[in-house]
């Protein structure tokens, strides 16, 4: 069987970017599918998605370094609710 040689290397796998992508997509889809939350212009949805991703990634990194803290979970949940409440 012939061996196929290629100089192309697969792109490096970056789990951080993968998480960000999944979080951004999930958040955006949730907001779009839940019109009762708020009707957003696209640029504002992109901004809120990026904010959600940043908060989520910081929380994940913090929790991995320091352990899970339920008070932080509650604070992030409350902050998210506050953002949506102020957009109504």
N, C-alpha and C. Protein backbone atom coordinates (compact mmCIF):
# COMPACT_ATOMS: atom_id res chain seq x y z
N UNK A 1 0.85 -1.17 0.00
CA UNK A 1 0.00 0.00 0.00
C UNK A 1 0.89 1.24 0.00
N UNK A 2 0.63 2.20 -0.90
CA UNK A 2 1.48 3.39 -0.96
C UNK A 2 1.25 4.30 0.25
N UNK A 3 2.29 4.96 0.66
CA UNK A 3 2.22 5.91 1.77
C UNK A 3 2.03 7.30 1.17
N UNK A 4 1.02 7.99 1.62
CA UNK A 4 0.77 9.35 1.14
C UNK A 4 1.43 10.32 2.10
N UNK A 5 2.31 11.12 1.53
CA UNK A 5 3.00 12.12 2.34
C UNK A 5 2.39 13.49 2.08
N UNK A 6 2.26 14.24 3.11
CA UNK A 6 1.71 15.58 2.97
C UNK A 6 2.47 16.52 3.87
N UNK A 7 2.72 17.70 3.36
CA UNK A 7 3.38 18.73 4.15
C UNK A 7 2.38 19.52 4.99
N UNK A 8 1.11 19.29 4.72
CA UNK A 8 0.07 20.00 5.46
C UNK A 8 -0.11 19.37 6.84
N UNK A 9 -0.05 20.21 7.83
CA UNK A 9 -0.30 19.77 9.19
C UNK A 9 -1.70 20.24 9.58
N UNK A 10 -2.41 19.45 10.36
CA UNK A 10 -3.73 19.93 10.81
C UNK A 10 -3.54 21.14 11.71
N UNK A 11 -4.53 22.03 11.72
CA UNK A 11 -4.39 23.20 12.60
C UNK A 11 -4.33 22.75 14.04
N UNK A 12 -3.60 23.48 14.86
CA UNK A 12 -3.51 23.08 16.28
C UNK A 12 -4.88 23.15 16.94
N UNK A 13 -5.14 22.21 17.80
CA UNK A 13 -6.40 22.13 18.51
C UNK A 13 -6.35 23.08 19.70
N UNK A 14 -7.32 23.95 19.81
CA UNK A 14 -7.35 24.92 20.90
C UNK A 14 -8.69 24.77 21.64
N UNK A 15 -8.66 24.10 22.76
CA UNK A 15 -9.89 23.84 23.50
C UNK A 15 -10.52 25.13 24.02
N UNK A 16 -9.69 26.12 24.30
CA UNK A 16 -10.20 27.41 24.75
C UNK A 16 -11.10 28.04 23.69
N UNK A 17 -10.63 28.05 22.46
CA UNK A 17 -11.40 28.62 21.36
C UNK A 17 -12.65 27.79 21.06
N UNK A 18 -12.52 26.47 21.21
CA UNK A 18 -13.67 25.60 21.01
C UNK A 18 -14.77 25.91 22.04
N UNK A 19 -14.40 26.04 23.30
CA UNK A 19 -15.37 26.40 24.34
C UNK A 19 -16.03 27.73 24.02
N UNK A 20 -15.23 28.72 23.65
CA UNK A 20 -15.76 30.05 23.33
C UNK A 20 -16.78 29.96 22.20
N UNK A 21 -16.44 29.22 21.19
CA UNK A 21 -17.33 29.08 20.03
C UNK A 21 -18.65 28.43 20.43
N UNK A 22 -18.58 27.38 21.23
CA UNK A 22 -19.79 26.67 21.67
C UNK A 22 -20.64 27.59 22.56
N UNK A 23 -20.00 28.29 23.48
CA UNK A 23 -20.74 29.20 24.36
C UNK A 23 -21.42 30.31 23.57
N UNK A 24 -20.70 30.93 22.63
CA UNK A 24 -21.24 32.02 21.83
C UNK A 24 -22.44 31.54 21.01
N UNK A 25 -22.29 30.40 20.36
CA UNK A 25 -23.36 29.87 19.53
C UNK A 25 -24.59 29.51 20.37
N UNK A 26 -24.37 28.84 21.48
CA UNK A 26 -25.47 28.43 22.36
C UNK A 26 -26.22 29.63 22.92
N UNK A 27 -25.47 30.63 23.38
CA UNK A 27 -26.09 31.83 23.94
C UNK A 27 -26.91 32.56 22.87
N UNK A 28 -26.33 32.77 21.71
CA UNK A 28 -27.03 33.47 20.63
C UNK A 28 -28.29 32.74 20.21
N UNK A 29 -28.20 31.42 20.08
CA UNK A 29 -29.38 30.64 19.70
C UNK A 29 -30.47 30.73 20.77
N UNK A 30 -30.07 30.67 22.02
CA UNK A 30 -31.04 30.75 23.12
C UNK A 30 -31.77 32.10 23.08
N UNK A 31 -31.04 33.18 22.89
CA UNK A 31 -31.67 34.50 22.87
C UNK A 31 -32.59 34.62 21.66
N UNK A 32 -32.14 34.14 20.52
CA UNK A 32 -32.97 34.23 19.31
C UNK A 32 -34.25 33.39 19.43
N UNK A 33 -34.16 32.26 20.12
CA UNK A 33 -35.30 31.36 20.24
C UNK A 33 -36.20 31.69 21.43
N UNK A 34 -35.83 32.68 22.19
CA UNK A 34 -36.62 33.08 23.36
C UNK A 34 -36.99 34.55 23.22
N UNK A 35 -37.93 34.85 22.34
CA UNK A 35 -38.26 36.25 22.10
C UNK A 35 -38.79 36.97 23.33
N UNK A 36 -39.25 36.22 24.31
CA UNK A 36 -39.74 36.86 25.53
C UNK A 36 -38.60 37.50 26.32
N UNK A 37 -37.35 37.04 26.07
CA UNK A 37 -36.22 37.64 26.78
C UNK A 37 -36.08 39.10 26.36
N UNK A 38 -35.83 39.30 25.10
CA UNK A 38 -35.67 40.67 24.58
C UNK A 38 -35.42 40.58 23.08
N UNK A 39 -35.89 41.56 22.36
CA UNK A 39 -35.60 41.62 20.92
C UNK A 39 -34.36 42.48 20.76
N UNK A 40 -33.34 41.92 20.17
CA UNK A 40 -32.06 42.60 20.07
C UNK A 40 -31.68 42.87 18.62
N UNK A 41 -31.02 43.99 18.43
CA UNK A 41 -30.38 44.22 17.15
C UNK A 41 -29.16 43.32 17.09
N UNK A 42 -28.74 42.98 15.90
CA UNK A 42 -27.65 42.01 15.73
C UNK A 42 -26.36 42.45 16.43
N UNK A 43 -26.00 43.74 16.30
CA UNK A 43 -24.75 44.19 16.93
C UNK A 43 -24.82 44.06 18.44
N UNK A 44 -25.99 44.31 19.02
CA UNK A 44 -26.13 44.18 20.47
C UNK A 44 -26.08 42.71 20.88
N UNK A 45 -26.67 41.84 20.08
CA UNK A 45 -26.61 40.41 20.38
C UNK A 45 -25.16 39.92 20.33
N UNK A 46 -24.41 40.38 19.35
CA UNK A 46 -22.99 40.00 19.27
C UNK A 46 -22.23 40.48 20.50
N UNK A 47 -22.50 41.72 20.93
CA UNK A 47 -21.85 42.27 22.12
C UNK A 47 -22.20 41.44 23.36
N UNK A 48 -23.50 41.14 23.54
CA UNK A 48 -23.92 40.36 24.70
C UNK A 48 -23.37 38.94 24.65
N UNK A 49 -23.28 38.38 23.46
CA UNK A 49 -22.69 37.04 23.32
C UNK A 49 -21.23 37.05 23.74
N UNK A 50 -20.49 38.05 23.30
CA UNK A 50 -19.08 38.16 23.69
C UNK A 50 -18.93 38.38 25.19
N UNK A 51 -19.83 39.18 25.77
CA UNK A 51 -19.80 39.41 27.21
C UNK A 51 -20.08 38.11 27.97
N UNK A 52 -21.07 37.36 27.49
CA UNK A 52 -21.41 36.07 28.11
C UNK A 52 -20.22 35.11 28.03
N UNK A 53 -19.59 35.06 26.87
CA UNK A 53 -18.43 34.18 26.68
C UNK A 53 -17.30 34.59 27.62
N UNK A 54 -17.02 35.87 27.70
CA UNK A 54 -15.93 36.35 28.57
C UNK A 54 -16.20 35.98 30.03
N UNK A 55 -17.43 36.22 30.49
CA UNK A 55 -17.78 35.88 31.87
C UNK A 55 -17.69 34.37 32.11
N UNK A 56 -18.19 33.61 31.16
CA UNK A 56 -18.18 32.15 31.30
C UNK A 56 -16.75 31.60 31.33
N UNK A 57 -15.91 32.10 30.44
CA UNK A 57 -14.52 31.61 30.38
C UNK A 57 -13.76 32.00 31.64
N UNK A 58 -13.99 33.23 32.13
CA UNK A 58 -13.34 33.64 33.37
C UNK A 58 -13.78 32.74 34.52
N UNK A 59 -15.09 32.46 34.57
CA UNK A 59 -15.63 31.58 35.61
C UNK A 59 -15.00 30.18 35.52
N UNK A 60 -14.93 29.63 34.31
CA UNK A 60 -14.33 28.29 34.15
C UNK A 60 -12.87 28.27 34.59
N UNK A 61 -12.11 29.25 34.13
CA UNK A 61 -10.69 29.30 34.51
C UNK A 61 -10.51 29.49 36.01
N UNK A 62 -11.32 30.38 36.59
CA UNK A 62 -11.24 30.62 38.03
C UNK A 62 -11.59 29.36 38.81
N UNK A 63 -12.65 28.69 38.39
CA UNK A 63 -13.09 27.48 39.08
C UNK A 63 -12.07 26.36 38.98
N UNK A 64 -11.40 26.26 37.83
CA UNK A 64 -10.37 25.23 37.67
C UNK A 64 -9.18 25.51 38.59
N UNK A 65 -8.87 26.78 38.80
CA UNK A 65 -7.73 27.14 39.66
C UNK A 65 -8.06 27.09 41.15
N UNK A 66 -9.31 27.53 41.49
CA UNK A 66 -9.64 27.73 42.90
C UNK A 66 -10.76 26.84 43.42
N UNK A 67 -11.36 26.05 42.55
CA UNK A 67 -12.48 25.22 42.97
C UNK A 67 -13.80 25.94 42.75
N UNK A 68 -14.86 25.16 42.71
CA UNK A 68 -16.19 25.70 42.45
C UNK A 68 -16.70 26.44 43.67
N UNK A 69 -17.24 27.62 43.44
CA UNK A 69 -17.79 28.42 44.52
C UNK A 69 -19.23 28.76 44.15
N UNK A 70 -20.18 28.24 44.89
CA UNK A 70 -21.59 28.43 44.58
C UNK A 70 -22.00 29.90 44.65
N UNK A 71 -21.34 30.69 45.47
CA UNK A 71 -21.66 32.11 45.55
C UNK A 71 -21.31 32.83 44.24
N UNK A 72 -20.25 32.40 43.59
CA UNK A 72 -19.88 32.98 42.30
C UNK A 72 -20.89 32.56 41.25
N UNK A 73 -21.34 31.32 41.30
CA UNK A 73 -22.37 30.85 40.36
C UNK A 73 -23.63 31.70 40.51
N UNK A 74 -24.04 31.93 41.72
CA UNK A 74 -25.24 32.74 41.97
C UNK A 74 -25.04 34.18 41.48
N UNK A 75 -23.87 34.74 41.73
CA UNK A 75 -23.59 36.12 41.32
C UNK A 75 -23.62 36.24 39.79
N UNK A 76 -23.04 35.28 39.09
CA UNK A 76 -23.06 35.33 37.63
C UNK A 76 -24.48 35.17 37.10
N UNK A 77 -25.25 34.30 37.70
CA UNK A 77 -26.65 34.13 37.29
C UNK A 77 -27.44 35.42 37.51
N UNK A 78 -27.21 36.05 38.65
CA UNK A 78 -27.90 37.30 38.96
C UNK A 78 -27.48 38.41 37.99
N UNK A 79 -26.21 38.47 37.65
CA UNK A 79 -25.72 39.47 36.70
C UNK A 79 -26.36 39.28 35.33
N UNK A 80 -26.48 38.04 34.89
CA UNK A 80 -27.10 37.76 33.60
C UNK A 80 -28.57 38.18 33.60
N UNK A 81 -29.27 37.89 34.68
CA UNK A 81 -30.68 38.29 34.78
C UNK A 81 -30.80 39.82 34.75
N UNK A 82 -29.89 40.50 35.42
CA UNK A 82 -29.90 41.96 35.46
C UNK A 82 -29.68 42.55 34.08
N UNK A 83 -28.80 41.96 33.31
CA UNK A 83 -28.54 42.45 31.96
C UNK A 83 -29.82 42.36 31.13
N UNK A 84 -30.48 41.22 31.16
CA UNK A 84 -31.71 41.05 30.37
C UNK A 84 -32.84 41.96 30.88
N UNK A 85 -32.92 42.12 32.19
CA UNK A 85 -33.97 42.97 32.75
C UNK A 85 -33.80 44.40 32.26
N UNK A 86 -32.58 44.88 32.20
CA UNK A 86 -32.33 46.25 31.78
C UNK A 86 -32.48 46.45 30.27
N UNK A 87 -32.59 45.39 29.52
CA UNK A 87 -32.78 45.50 28.08
C UNK A 87 -34.25 45.50 27.67
N UNK A 88 -35.12 45.16 28.59
CA UNK A 88 -36.56 45.07 28.26
C UNK A 88 -37.12 46.43 27.92
